[in-house]
Every structure is written in structure tokens, then in C-alpha cells.
Amino acid sequence: MNSKVLINCTAGQDDPERATVAFIAASAAAAINKETAMFLTSGAIDLATRDGAKGIEAPGYKPLVVFRDSLMENGGRLWVCPACAAARGLQDSDLIDGAEIAGVPQVLQFKDSGAITLM
């Protein structure tokens, strides 16, 4: 059985439901001891900042921050697209603990080490 999960997320405040569903999947994988990483691109990168998930709650779902915090508490990682971060002026110091600016080489290495990819 596969022990690694990679989830790509491009949605943020622009699409709270898509963003929340991605974090639900990631937090569920991490909760069952899967090594879990999310690659955040476009509007999703704000979700890795301290206040970026604050107030995001799609109708019928718990607040996104609940799932993000669960992911992080269970050892998950958030990888923020370097080009997207540069475009918004974000640096590692702007991100929550466990999040880092990391690009396609790191994502591909994780995938090549056996991660299944979702989203």
C-alpha cells in the first residue's frame, strides 16, 4: 500500500469549496499516517500564510483553517510555488510553520519516491 500522498491545490479565496476539499483530502491522508504534501500554486499560496486561510468557509463545510491545522498537526507539508510566491512578494518568513517555498523539482522527487497524486 502506498504511504505517500501529493495533493495539488490551485484554489484559494477565489474558490473556497475547491480549496477546502483539497485540504480535507490532505488532512485525511495525514491523519491516517500517510506522508502528505500539498503543492500550492496560484491563489492557493495565500493559504500557507499566517492569516491566509482565516475566514474561508465554504457553505456546508467547516472553516478551511480547521483542515489546514489538522494537516500540519499530523506532519503534513505545504510547498508554495516559488514563481507564485515571487509574484506576490512572499518569502519563507511569511509562511506558517511546516510550509516552505519549494518548486517542481521537490514535487517531482516526492512523486518519484512513490507518492500518489490527487486533485
PDB file of N, CA and C in Angstrom:
ATOM      1  N   MET A   1       0.841  -1.181   0.000  1.00  0.00           N
ATOM      2  CA  MET A   1       0.000   0.000   0.000  1.00  0.00           C
ATOM      3  C   MET A   1       0.888   1.248   0.000  1.00  0.00           C
ATOM      4  N   ASN A   2       0.468   2.269  -0.723  1.00  0.00           N
ATOM      5  CA  ASN A   2       1.247   3.494  -0.855  1.00  0.00           C
ATOM      6  C   ASN A   2       1.234   4.279   0.449  1.00  0.00           C
ATOM      7  N   SER A   3       2.390   4.841   0.801  1.00  0.00           N
ATOM      8  CA  SER A   3       2.477   5.570   2.061  1.00  0.00           C
ATOM      9  C   SER A   3       2.662   7.080   1.878  1.00  0.00           C
ATOM     10  N   LYS A   4       2.646   7.562   0.635  1.00  0.00           N
ATOM     11  CA  LYS A   4       2.831   8.985   0.366  1.00  0.00           C
ATOM     12  C   LYS A   4       1.704   9.513  -0.508  1.00  0.00           C
ATOM     13  N   VAL A   5       1.277  10.737  -0.186  1.00  0.00           N
ATOM     14  CA  VAL A   5       0.209  11.384  -0.947  1.00  0.00           C
ATOM     15  C   VAL A   5       0.637  12.812  -1.279  1.00  0.00           C
ATOM     16  N   LEU A   6       0.476  13.179  -2.529  1.00  0.00           N
ATOM     17  CA  LEU A   6       0.767  14.522  -3.009  1.00  0.00           C
ATOM     18  C   LEU A   6      -0.523  15.116  -3.554  1.00  0.00           C
ATOM     19  N   ILE A   7      -0.872  16.287  -3.054  1.00  0.00           N
ATOM     20  CA  ILE A   7      -2.102  16.947  -3.488  1.00  0.00           C
ATOM     21  C   ILE A   7      -1.750  18.322  -4.035  1.00  0.00           C
ATOM     22  N   ASN A   8      -2.233  18.604  -5.233  1.00  0.00           N
ATOM     23  CA  ASN A   8      -2.035  19.914  -5.844  1.00  0.00           C
ATOM     24  C   ASN A   8      -3.278  20.755  -5.580  1.00  0.00           C
ATOM     25  N   CYS A   9      -3.071  21.987  -5.192  1.00  0.00           N
ATOM     26  CA  CYS A   9      -4.187  22.894  -4.945  1.00  0.00           C
ATOM     27  C   CYS A   9      -3.884  24.236  -5.598  1.00  0.00           C
ATOM     28  N   THR A  10      -4.817  24.700  -6.420  1.00  0.00           N
ATOM     29  CA  THR A  10      -4.660  25.993  -7.080  1.00  0.00           C
ATOM     30  C   THR A  10      -5.670  27.018  -6.576  1.00  0.00           C
ATOM     31  N   ALA A  11      -6.668  26.570  -5.834  1.00  0.00           N
ATOM     32  CA  ALA A  11      -7.750  27.451  -5.390  1.00  0.00           C
ATOM     33  C   ALA A  11      -7.474  28.003  -3.999  1.00  0.00           C
ATOM     34  N   GLY A  12      -7.920  29.227  -3.804  1.00  0.00           N
ATOM     35  CA  GLY A  12      -7.800  29.872  -2.502  1.00  0.00           C
ATOM     36  C   GLY A  12      -9.097  30.573  -2.182  1.00  0.00           C
ATOM     37  N   GLN A  13      -9.010  31.839  -1.831  1.00  0.00           N
ATOM     38  CA  GLN A  13     -10.202  32.619  -1.507  1.00  0.00           C
ATOM     39  C   GLN A  13     -11.140  32.744  -2.702  1.00  0.00           C
ATOM     40  N   ASP A  14     -10.601  32.574  -3.906  1.00  0.00           N
ATOM     41  CA  ASP A  14     -11.405  32.691  -5.120  1.00  0.00           C
ATOM     42  C   ASP A  14     -12.388  31.531  -5.283  1.00  0.00           C
ATOM     43  N   ASP A  15     -12.099  30.386  -4.656  1.00  0.00           N
ATOM     44  CA  ASP A  15     -12.961  29.208  -4.749  1.00  0.00           C
ATOM     45  C   ASP A  15     -12.854  28.416  -3.440  1.00  0.00           C
ATOM     46  N   PRO A  16     -13.534  28.895  -2.399  1.00  0.00           N
ATOM     47  CA  PRO A  16     -13.412  28.282  -1.080  1.00  0.00           C
ATOM     48  C   PRO A  16     -13.751  26.790  -1.044  1.00  0.00           C
ATOM     49  N   GLU A  17     -14.718  26.367  -1.838  1.00  0.00           N
ATOM     50  CA  GLU A  17     -15.080  24.953  -1.801  1.00  0.00           C
ATOM     51  C   GLU A  17     -13.966  24.074  -2.357  1.00  0.00           C
ATOM     52  N   ARG A  18     -13.422  24.426  -3.521  1.00  0.00           N
ATOM     53  CA  ARG A  18     -12.314  23.630  -4.088  1.00  0.00           C
ATOM     54  C   ARG A  18     -11.107  23.619  -3.161  1.00  0.00           C
ATOM     55  N   ALA A  19     -10.793  24.748  -2.573  1.00  0.00           N
ATOM     56  CA  ALA A  19      -9.667  24.823  -1.647  1.00  0.00           C
ATOM     57  C   ALA A  19      -9.922  23.949  -0.422  1.00  0.00           C
ATOM     58  N   THR A  20     -11.111  24.028   0.124  1.00  0.00           N
ATOM     59  CA  THR A  20     -11.447  23.243   1.311  1.00  0.00           C
ATOM     60  C   THR A  20     -11.404  21.753   1.025  1.00  0.00           C
ATOM     61  N   VAL A  21     -11.945  21.328  -0.102  1.00  0.00           N
ATOM     62  CA  VAL A  21     -11.935  19.905  -0.446  1.00  0.00           C
ATOM     63  C   VAL A  21     -10.502  19.385  -0.566  1.00  0.00           C
ATOM     64  N   ALA A  22      -9.618  20.174  -1.146  1.00  0.00           N
ATOM     65  CA  ALA A  22      -8.213  19.757  -1.244  1.00  0.00           C
ATOM     66  C   ALA A  22      -7.601  19.588   0.147  1.00  0.00           C
ATOM     67  N   PHE A  23      -7.904  20.503   1.051  1.00  0.00           N
ATOM     68  CA  PHE A  23      -7.369  20.397   2.401  1.00  0.00           C
ATOM     69  C   PHE A  23      -8.037  19.283   3.202  1.00  0.00           C
ATOM     70  N   ILE A  24      -9.298  18.992   2.922  1.00  0.00           N
ATOM     71  CA  ILE A  24      -9.951  17.839   3.560  1.00  0.00           C
ATOM     72  C   ILE A  24      -9.215  16.560   3.163  1.00  0.00           C
ATOM     73  N   ALA A  25      -8.936  16.412   1.868  1.00  0.00           N
ATOM     74  CA  ALA A  25      -8.238  15.219   1.386  1.00  0.00           C
ATOM     75  C   ALA A  25      -6.856  15.114   2.015  1.00  0.00           C
ATOM     76  N   ALA A  26      -6.130  16.214   2.070  1.00  0.00           N
ATOM     77  CA  ALA A  26      -4.784  16.197   2.634  1.00  0.00           C
ATOM     78  C   ALA A  26      -4.809  15.898   4.129  1.00  0.00           C
ATOM     79  N   SER A  27      -5.709  16.526   4.848  1.00  0.00           N
ATOM     80  CA  SER A  27      -5.749  16.289   6.291  1.00  0.00           C
ATOM     81  C   SER A  27      -6.173  14.862   6.599  1.00  0.00           C
ATOM     82  N   ALA A  28      -7.054  14.288   5.790  1.00  0.00           N
ATOM     83  CA  ALA A  28      -7.472  12.894   5.982  1.00  0.00           C
ATOM     84  C   ALA A  28      -6.302  11.945   5.729  1.00  0.00           C
ATOM     85  N   ALA A  29      -5.536  12.206   4.686  1.00  0.00           N
ATOM     86  CA  ALA A  29      -4.380  11.356   4.386  1.00  0.00           C
ATOM     87  C   ALA A  29      -3.353  11.431   5.512  1.00  0.00           C
ATOM     88  N   ALA A  30      -3.064  12.629   5.984  1.00  0.00           N
ATOM     89  CA  ALA A  30      -2.092  12.785   7.066  1.00  0.00           C
ATOM     90  C   ALA A  30      -2.585  12.132   8.353  1.00  0.00           C
ATOM     91  N   ALA A  31      -3.895  12.192   8.591  1.00  0.00           N
ATOM     92  CA  ALA A  31      -4.465  11.619   9.810  1.00  0.00           C
ATOM     93  C   ALA A  31      -4.330  10.099   9.862  1.00  0.00           C
ATOM     94  N   ILE A  32      -4.216   9.466   8.697  1.00  0.00           N
ATOM     95  CA  ILE A  32      -4.039   8.002   8.690  1.00  0.00           C
ATOM     96  C   ILE A  32      -2.580   7.637   8.402  1.00  0.00           C
ATOM     97  N   ASN A  33      -1.717   8.552   8.789  1.00  0.00           N
ATOM     98  CA  ASN A  33      -0.262   8.340   8.755  1.00  0.00           C
ATOM     99  C   ASN A  33       0.333   8.213   7.362  1.00  0.00           C
ATOM    100  N   LYS A  34      -0.274   8.840   6.388  1.00  0.00           N
ATOM    101  CA  LYS A  34       0.344   8.945   5.069  1.00  0.00           C
ATOM    102  C   LYS A  34       1.282  10.149   5.093  1.00  0.00           C
ATOM    103  N   GLU A  35       2.452  10.011   4.508  1.00  0.00           N
ATOM    104  CA  GLU A  35       3.338  11.159   4.355  1.00  0.00           C
ATOM    105  C   GLU A  35       2.693  12.056   3.315  1.00  0.00           C
ATOM    106  N   THR A  36       2.240  13.225   3.738  1.00  0.00           N
ATOM    107  CA  THR A  36       1.390  14.060   2.901  1.00  0.00           C
ATOM    108  C   THR A  36       2.023  15.420   2.623  1.00  0.00           C
ATOM    109  N   ALA A  37       2.001  15.796   1.358  1.00  0.00           N
ATOM    110  CA  ALA A  37       2.471  17.115   0.945  1.00  0.00           C
ATOM    111  C   ALA A  37       1.449  17.727   0.008  1.00  0.00           C
ATOM    112  N   MET A  38       1.291  19.034   0.116  1.00  0.00           N
ATOM    113  CA  MET A  38       0.442  19.783  -0.810  1.00  0.00           C
ATOM    114  C   MET A  38       1.324  20.763  -1.560  1.00  0.00           C
ATOM    115  N   PHE A  39       1.124  20.831  -2.872  1.00  0.00           N
ATOM    116  CA  PHE A  39       1.807  21.822  -3.700  1.00  0.00           C
ATOM    117  C   PHE A  39       0.783  22.904  -3.994  1.00  0.00           C
ATOM    118  N   LEU A  40       1.021  24.091  -3.465  1.00  0.00           N
ATOM    119  CA  LEU A  40       0.099  25.211  -3.617  1.00  0.00           C
ATOM    120  C   LEU A  40       0.592  26.144  -4.706  1.00  0.00           C
ATOM    121  N   THR A  41      -0.292  26.436  -5.649  1.00  0.00           N
ATOM    122  CA  THR A  41       0.031  27.352  -6.738  1.00  0.00           C
ATOM    123  C   THR A  41      -1.073  28.392  -6.858  1.00  0.00           C
ATOM    124  N   SER A  42      -0.816  29.408  -7.630  1.00  0.00           N
ATOM    125  CA  SER A  42      -1.792  30.475  -7.898  1.00  0.00           C
ATOM    126  C   SER A  42      -2.376  31.016  -6.595  1.00  0.00           C
ATOM    127  N   GLY A  43      -3.689  31.163  -6.546  1.00  0.00           N
ATOM    128  CA  GLY A  43      -4.356  31.727  -5.376  1.00  0.00           C
ATOM    129  C   GLY A  43      -4.247  30.898  -4.121  1.00  0.00           C
ATOM    130  N   ALA A  44      -3.869  29.637  -4.254  1.00  0.00           N
ATOM    131  CA  ALA A  44      -3.771  28.764  -3.085  1.00  0.00           C
ATOM    132  C   ALA A  44      -2.588  29.108  -2.191  1.00  0.00           C
ATOM    133  N   ILE A  45      -1.584  29.800  -2.716  1.00  0.00           N
ATOM    134  CA  ILE A  45      -0.391  30.032  -1.900  1.00  0.00           C
ATOM    135  C   ILE A  45      -0.695  30.875  -0.666  1.00  0.00           C
ATOM    136  N   ASP A  46      -1.698  31.726  -0.749  1.00  0.00           N
ATOM    137  CA  ASP A  46      -2.059  32.548   0.408  1.00  0.00           C
ATOM    138  C   ASP A  46      -2.499  31.687   1.590  1.00  0.00           C
ATOM    139  N   LEU A  47      -2.968  30.474   1.329  1.00  0.00           N
ATOM    140  CA  LEU A  47      -3.437  29.588   2.383  1.00  0.00           C
ATOM    141  C   LEU A  47      -2.302  29.097   3.269  1.00  0.00           C
ATOM    142  N   ALA A  48      -1.074  29.270   2.825  1.00  0.00           N
ATOM    143  CA  ALA A  48       0.095  28.877   3.612  1.00  0.00           C
ATOM    144  C   ALA A  48       0.622  30.022   4.470  1.00  0.00           C
ATOM    145  N   THR A  49      -0.001  31.195   4.376  1.00  0.00           N
ATOM    146  CA  THR A  49       0.422  32.324   5.199  1.00  0.00           C
ATOM    147  C   THR A  49      -0.374  32.331   6.501  1.00  0.00           C
ATOM    148  N   ARG A  50       0.108  33.078   7.464  1.00  0.00           N
ATOM    149  CA  ARG A  50      -0.498  33.078   8.794  1.00  0.00           C
ATOM    150  C   ARG A  50      -1.993  33.404   8.778  1.00  0.00           C
ATOM    151  N   ASP A  51      -2.399  34.410   8.061  1.00  0.00           N
ATOM    152  CA  ASP A  51      -3.814  34.799   8.038  1.00  0.00           C
ATOM    153  C   ASP A  51      -4.521  34.439   6.742  1.00  0.00           C
ATOM    154  N   GLY A  52      -3.835  33.732   5.841  1.00  0.00           N
ATOM    155  CA  GLY A  52      -4.374  33.465   4.517  1.00  0.00           C
ATOM    156  C   GLY A  52      -5.589  32.561   4.470  1.00  0.00           C
ATOM    157  N   ALA A  53      -5.767  31.710   5.479  1.00  0.00           N
ATOM    158  CA  ALA A  53      -6.933  30.812   5.497  1.00  0.00           C
ATOM    159  C   ALA A  53      -8.029  31.347   6.405  1.00  0.00           C
ATOM    160  N   LYS A  54      -7.729  32.406   7.101  1.00  0.00           N
ATOM    161  CA  LYS A  54      -8.683  32.987   8.042  1.00  0.00           C
ATOM    162  C   LYS A  54      -9.941  33.465   7.318  1.00  0.00           C
ATOM    163  N   GLY A  55     -11.082  33.048   7.815  1.00  0.00           N
ATOM    164  CA  GLY A  55     -12.359  33.495   7.258  1.00  0.00           C
ATOM    165  C   GLY A  55     -12.840  32.720   6.048  1.00  0.00           C
ATOM    166  N   ILE A  56     -12.072  31.731   5.578  1.00  0.00           N
ATOM    167  CA  ILE A  56     -12.514  30.947   4.424  1.00  0.00           C
ATOM    168  C   ILE A  56     -13.370  29.788   4.920  1.00  0.00           C
ATOM    169  N   GLU A  57     -14.634  29.841   4.570  1.00  0.00           N
ATOM    170  CA  GLU A  57     -15.570  28.795   4.973  1.00  0.00           C
ATOM    171  C   GLU A  57     -16.620  28.640   3.877  1.00  0.00           C
ATOM    172  N   ALA A  58     -16.485  27.576   3.100  1.00  0.00           N
ATOM    173  CA  ALA A  58     -17.461  27.294   2.043  1.00  0.00           C
ATOM    174  C   ALA A  58     -18.761  26.831   2.692  1.00  0.00           C
ATOM    175  N   PRO A  59     -19.890  27.185   2.108  1.00  0.00           N
ATOM    176  CA  PRO A  59     -21.173  26.763   2.665  1.00  0.00           C
ATOM    177  C   PRO A  59     -21.237  25.239   2.840  1.00  0.00           C
ATOM    178  N   GLY A  60     -21.623  24.817   4.044  1.00  0.00           N
ATOM    179  CA  GLY A  60     -21.762  23.400   4.334  1.00  0.00           C
ATOM    180  C   GLY A  60     -20.492  22.725   4.839  1.00  0.00           C
ATOM    181  N   TYR A  61     -19.377  23.459   4.912  1.00  0.00           N
ATOM    182  CA  TYR A  61     -18.094  22.910   5.345  1.00  0.00           C
ATOM    183  C   TYR A  61     -17.622  23.620   6.612  1.00  0.00           C
ATOM    184  N   LYS A  62     -16.749  22.954   7.340  1.00  0.00           N
ATOM    185  CA  LYS A  62     -16.054  23.612   8.443  1.00  0.00           C
ATOM    186  C   LYS A  62     -15.090  24.629   7.841  1.00  0.00           C
ATOM    187  N   PRO A  63     -14.622  25.577   8.639  1.00  0.00           N
ATOM    188  CA  PRO A  63     -13.644  26.542   8.129  1.00  0.00           C
ATOM    189  C   PRO A  63     -12.391  25.835   7.612  1.00  0.00           C
ATOM    190  N   LEU A  64     -11.836  26.332   6.527  1.00  0.00           N
ATOM    191  CA  LEU A  64     -10.659  25.732   5.912  1.00  0.00           C
ATOM    192  C   LEU A  64      -9.505  25.607   6.896  1.00  0.00           C
ATOM    193  N   VAL A  65      -9.349  26.578   7.776  1.00  0.00           N
ATOM    194  CA  VAL A  65      -8.240  26.568   8.726  1.00  0.00           C
ATOM    195  C   VAL A  65      -8.272  25.317   9.615  1.00  0.00           C
ATOM    196  N   VAL A  66      -9.444  24.753   9.871  1.00  0.00           N
ATOM    197  CA  VAL A  66      -9.557  23.522  10.657  1.00  0.00           C
ATOM    198  C   VAL A  66      -8.801  22.388   9.962  1.00  0.00           C
ATOM    199  N   PHE A  67      -8.982  22.274   8.654  1.00  0.00           N
ATOM    200  CA  PHE A  67      -8.329  21.205   7.890  1.00  0.00           C
ATOM    201  C   PHE A  67      -6.841  21.486   7.696  1.00  0.00           C
ATOM    202  N   ARG A  68      -6.514  22.755   7.489  1.00  0.00           N
ATOM    203  CA  ARG A  68      -5.094  23.111   7.343  1.00  0.00           C
ATOM    204  C   ARG A  68      -4.342  22.814   8.635  1.00  0.00           C
ATOM    205  N   ASP A  69      -4.931  23.185   9.763  1.00  0.00           N
ATOM    206  CA  ASP A  69      -4.267  22.936  11.045  1.00  0.00           C
ATOM    207  C   ASP A  69      -4.149  21.446  11.326  1.00  0.00           C
ATOM    208  N   SER A  70      -5.170  20.683  10.975  1.00  0.00           N
ATOM    209  CA  SER A  70      -5.126  19.231  11.150  1.00  0.00           C
ATOM    210  C   SER A  70      -4.006  18.623  10.311  1.00  0.00           C
ATOM    211  N   LEU A  71      -3.895  19.072   9.077  1.00  0.00           N
ATOM    212  CA  LEU A  71      -2.821  18.600   8.200  1.00  0.00           C
ATOM    213  C   LEU A  71      -1.464  18.853   8.842  1.00  0.00           C
ATOM    214  N   MET A  72      -1.257  20.061   9.314  1.00  0.00           N
ATOM    215  CA  MET A  72       0.037  20.424   9.875  1.00  0.00           C
ATOM    216  C   MET A  72       0.307  19.676  11.186  1.00  0.00           C
ATOM    217  N   GLU A  73      -0.715  19.502  12.018  1.00  0.00           N
ATOM    218  CA  GLU A  73      -0.561  18.777  13.284  1.00  0.00           C
ATOM    219  C   GLU A  73      -0.196  17.312  13.048  1.00  0.00           C
ATOM    220  N   ASN A  74      -0.582  16.780  11.903  1.00  0.00           N
ATOM    221  CA  ASN A  74      -0.298  15.383  11.579  1.00  0.00           C
ATOM    222  C   ASN A  74       0.935  15.226  10.684  1.00  0.00           C
ATOM    223  N   GLY A  75       1.778  16.249  10.648  1.00  0.00           N
ATOM    224  CA  GLY A  75       3.050  16.147   9.944  1.00  0.00           C
ATOM    225  C   GLY A  75       3.014  16.472   8.468  1.00  0.00           C
ATOM    226  N   GLY A  76       1.907  17.019   7.981  1.00  0.00           N
ATOM    227  CA  GLY A  76       1.820  17.385   6.571  1.00  0.00           C
ATOM    228  C   GLY A  76       2.722  18.566   6.237  1.00  0.00           C
ATOM    229  N   ARG A  77       2.973  18.715   4.943  1.00  0.00           N
ATOM    230  CA  ARG A  77       3.815  19.812   4.473  1.00  0.00           C
ATOM    231  C   ARG A  77       3.078  20.606   3.408  1.00  0.00           C
ATOM    232  N   LEU A  78       3.339  21.889   3.397  1.00  0.00           N
ATOM    233  CA  LEU A  78       2.806  22.773   2.357  1.00  0.00           C
ATOM    234  C   LEU A  78       3.980  23.318   1.568  1.00  0.00           C
ATOM    235  N   TRP A  79       3.965  23.042   0.273  1.00  0.00           N
ATOM    236  CA  TRP A  79       5.004  23.559  -0.605  1.00  0.00           C
ATOM    237  C   TRP A  79       4.395  24.662  -1.468  1.00  0.00           C
ATOM    238  N   VAL A  80       4.979  25.827  -1.400  1.00  0.00           N
ATOM    239  CA  VAL A  80       4.480  27.005  -2.098  1.00  0.00           C
ATOM    240  C   VAL A  80       5.306  27.220  -3.359  1.00  0.00           C
ATOM    241  N   CYS A  81       4.626  27.350  -4.479  1.00  0.00           N
ATOM    242  CA  CYS A  81       5.267  27.579  -5.770  1.00  0.00           C
ATOM    243  C   CYS A  81       6.178  28.819  -5.700  1.00  0.00           C
ATOM    244  N   PRO A  82       7.457  28.656  -6.045  1.00  0.00           N
ATOM    245  CA  PRO A  82       8.389  29.789  -5.976  1.00  0.00           C
ATOM    246  C   PRO A  82       8.008  30.957  -6.887  1.00  0.00           C
ATOM    247  N   ALA A  83       7.573  30.667  -8.097  1.00  0.00           N
ATOM    248  CA  ALA A  83       7.201  31.746  -9.025  1.00  0.00           C
ATOM    249  C   ALA A  83       5.985  32.506  -8.503  1.00  0.00           C
ATOM    250  N   CYS A  84       5.023  31.766  -7.958  1.00  0.00           N
ATOM    251  CA  CYS A  84       3.817  32.395  -7.404  1.00  0.00           C
ATOM    252  C   CYS A  84       4.170  33.246  -6.187  1.00  0.00           C
ATOM    253  N   ALA A  85       5.065  32.737  -5.353  1.00  0.00           N
ATOM    254  CA  ALA A  85       5.491  33.480  -4.165  1.00  0.00           C
ATOM    255  C   ALA A  85       6.211  34.761  -4.573  1.00  0.00           C
ATOM    256  N   ALA A  86       7.095  34.661  -5.550  1.00  0.00           N
ATOM    257  CA  ALA A  86       7.821  35.844  -6.016  1.00  0.00           C
ATOM    258  C   ALA A  86       6.871  36.893  -6.576  1.00  0.00           C
ATOM    259  N   ALA A  87       5.854  36.446  -7.311  1.00  0.00           N
ATOM    260  CA  ALA A  87       4.886  37.371  -7.903  1.00  0.00           C
ATOM    261  C   ALA A  87       4.116  38.145  -6.832  1.00  0.00           C
ATOM    262  N   ARG A  88       3.966  37.530  -5.648  1.00  0.00           N
ATOM    263  CA  ARG A  88       3.225  38.173  -4.559  1.00  0.00           C
ATOM    264  C   ARG A  88       4.149  38.752  -3.479  1.00  0.00           C
ATOM    265  N   GLY A  89       5.442  38.606  -3.692  1.00  0.00           N
ATOM    266  CA  GLY A  89       6.399  39.137  -2.734  1.00  0.00           C
ATOM    267  C   GLY A  89       6.472  38.344  -1.433  1.00  0.00           C
ATOM    268  N   LEU A  90       6.090  37.075  -1.466  1.00  0.00           N
ATOM    269  CA  LEU A  90       6.125  36.238  -0.263  1.00  0.00           C
ATOM    270  C   LEU A  90       7.488  35.582  -0.102  1.00  0.00           C
ATOM    271  N   GLN A  91       7.896  35.430   1.153  1.00  0.00           N
ATOM    272  CA  GLN A  91       9.126  34.734   1.494  1.00  0.00           C
ATOM    273  C   GLN A  91       8.794  33.664   2.526  1.00  0.00           C
ATOM    274  N   ASP A  92       9.736  32.756   2.785  1.00  0.00           N
ATOM    275  CA  ASP A  92       9.508  31.696   3.773  1.00  0.00           C
ATOM    276  C   ASP A  92       9.048  32.255   5.113  1.00  0.00           C
ATOM    277  N   SER A  93       9.563  33.410   5.495  1.00  0.00           N
ATOM    278  CA  SER A  93       9.211  34.009   6.782  1.00  0.00           C
ATOM    279  C   SER A  93       7.741  34.439   6.866  1.00  0.00           C
ATOM    280  N   ASP A  94       7.059  34.526   5.725  1.00  0.00           N
ATOM    281  CA  ASP A  94       5.642  34.882   5.693  1.00  0.00           C
ATOM    282  C   ASP A  94       4.731  33.675   5.896  1.00  0.00           C
ATOM    283  N   LEU A  95       5.318  32.486   5.889  1.00  0.00           N
ATOM    284  CA  LEU A  95       4.536  31.257   5.890  1.00  0.00           C
ATOM    285  C   LEU A  95       4.400  30.655   7.290  1.00  0.00           C
ATOM    286  N   ILE A  96       3.363  29.837   7.455  1.00  0.00           N
ATOM    287  CA  ILE A  96       3.168  29.143   8.731  1.00  0.00           C
ATOM    288  C   ILE A  96       4.255  28.083   8.898  1.00  0.00           C
ATOM    289  N   ASP A  97       4.424  27.621  10.123  1.00  0.00           N
ATOM    290  CA  ASP A  97       5.374  26.541  10.381  1.00  0.00           C
ATOM    291  C   ASP A  97       4.973  25.311   9.583  1.00  0.00           C
ATOM    292  N   GLY A  98       5.948  24.675   8.949  1.00  0.00           N
ATOM    293  CA  GLY A  98       5.691  23.487   8.140  1.00  0.00           C
ATOM    294  C   GLY A  98       5.469  23.794   6.673  1.00  0.00           C
ATOM    295  N   ALA A  99       5.361  25.064   6.349  1.00  0.00           N
ATOM    296  CA  ALA A  99       5.218  25.472   4.947  1.00  0.00           C
ATOM    297  C   ALA A  99       6.553  26.033   4.476  1.00  0.00           C
ATOM    298  N   GLU A 100       6.832  25.839   3.192  1.00  0.00           N
ATOM    299  CA  GLU A 100       8.074  26.357   2.632  1.00  0.00           C
ATOM    300  C   GLU A 100       7.906  26.618   1.143  1.00  0.00           C
ATOM    301  N   ILE A 101       8.733  27.492   0.644  1.00  0.00           N
ATOM    302  CA  ILE A 101       8.754  27.742  -0.784  1.00  0.00           C
ATOM    303  C   ILE A 101       9.573  26.628  -1.417  1.00  0.00           C
ATOM    304  N   ALA A 102       8.923  25.852  -2.256  1.00  0.00           N
ATOM    305  CA  ALA A 102       9.554  24.685  -2.878  1.00  0.00           C
ATOM    306  C   ALA A 102       8.887  24.451  -4.226  1.00  0.00           C
ATOM    307  N   GLY A 103       9.684  24.172  -5.217  1.00  0.00           N
ATOM    308  CA  GLY A 103       9.168  24.084  -6.574  1.00  0.00           C
ATOM    309  C   GLY A 103       9.018  22.689  -7.136  1.00  0.00           C
ATOM    310  N   VAL A 104       8.890  22.667  -8.435  1.00  0.00           N
ATOM    311  CA  VAL A 104       8.644  21.436  -9.170  1.00  0.00           C
ATOM    312  C   VAL A 104       9.707  20.369  -8.921  1.00  0.00           C
ATOM    313  N   PRO A 105      10.993  20.705  -8.822  1.00  0.00           N
ATOM    314  CA  PRO A 105      11.960  19.624  -8.550  1.00  0.00           C
ATOM    315  C   PRO A 105      11.636  18.844  -7.270  1.00  0.00           C
ATOM    316  N   GLN A 106      11.279  19.547  -6.208  1.00  0.00           N
ATOM    317  CA  GLN A 106      10.929  18.868  -4.957  1.00  0.00           C
ATOM    318  C   GLN A 106       9.639  18.056  -5.118  1.00  0.00           C
ATOM    319  N   VAL A 107       8.672  18.612  -5.819  1.00  0.00           N
ATOM    320  CA  VAL A 107       7.412  17.911  -6.060  1.00  0.00           C
ATOM    321  C   VAL A 107       7.660  16.638  -6.862  1.00  0.00           C
ATOM    322  N   LEU A 108       8.456  16.735  -7.906  1.00  0.00           N
ATOM    323  CA  LEU A 108       8.734  15.560  -8.736  1.00  0.00           C
ATOM    324  C   LEU A 108       9.529  14.507  -7.980  1.00  0.00           C
ATOM    325  N   GLN A 109      10.444  14.944  -7.147  1.00  0.00           N
ATOM    326  CA  GLN A 109      11.220  13.992  -6.343  1.00  0.00           C
ATOM    327  C   GLN A 109      10.287  13.233  -5.392  1.00  0.00           C
ATOM    328  N   PHE A 110       9.347  13.932  -4.784  1.00  0.00           N
ATOM    329  CA  PHE A 110       8.379  13.297  -3.880  1.00  0.00           C
ATOM    330  C   PHE A 110       7.509  12.312  -4.646  1.00  0.00           C
ATOM    331  N   LYS A 111       7.053  12.725  -5.824  1.00  0.00           N
ATOM    332  CA  LYS A 111       6.233  11.844  -6.658  1.00  0.00           C
ATOM    333  C   LYS A 111       7.039  10.617  -7.093  1.00  0.00           C
ATOM    334  N   ASP A 112       8.276  10.830  -7.524  1.00  0.00           N
ATOM    335  CA  ASP A 112       9.119   9.726  -7.966  1.00  0.00           C
ATOM    336  C   ASP A 112       9.468   8.757  -6.841  1.00  0.00           C
ATOM    337  N   SER A 113       9.341   9.229  -5.589  1.00  0.00           N
ATOM    338  CA  SER A 113       9.626   8.341  -4.453  1.00  0.00           C
ATOM    339  C   SER A 113       8.415   7.502  -4.067  1.00  0.00           C
ATOM    340  N   GLY A 114       7.366   7.586  -4.886  1.00  0.00           N
ATOM    341  CA  GLY A 114       6.220   6.706  -4.688  1.00  0.00           C
ATOM    342  C   GLY A 114       4.925   7.377  -4.295  1.00  0.00           C
ATOM    343  N   ALA A 115       4.874   8.686  -4.256  1.00  0.00           N
ATOM    344  CA  ALA A 115       3.635   9.374  -3.875  1.00  0.00           C
ATOM    345  C   ALA A 115       2.563   9.214  -4.932  1.00  0.00           C
ATOM    346  N   ILE A 116       1.342   8.971  -4.479  1.00  0.00           N
ATOM    347  CA  ILE A 116       0.209   9.047  -5.389  1.00  0.00           C
ATOM    348  C   ILE A 116      -0.210  10.510  -5.448  1.00  0.00           C
ATOM    349  N   THR A 117      -0.780  10.915  -6.564  1.00  0.00           N
ATOM    350  CA  THR A 117      -1.143  12.317  -6.759  1.00  0.00           C
ATOM    351  C   THR A 117      -2.652  12.448  -6.851  1.00  0.00           C
ATOM    352  N   LEU A 118      -3.170  13.416  -6.106  1.00  0.00           N
ATOM    353  CA  LEU A 118      -4.600  13.712  -6.114  1.00  0.00           C
ATOM    354  C   LEU A 118      -4.833  15.153  -6.512  1.00  0.00           C
ATOM    355  N   MET A 119      -6.032  15.434  -6.993  1.00  0.00           N
ATOM    356  CA  MET A 119      -6.539  16.743  -7.382  1.00  0.00           C
ATOM    357  C   MET A 119      -5.965  17.141  -8.676  1.00  0.00           C
TER     358      MET A 119
END
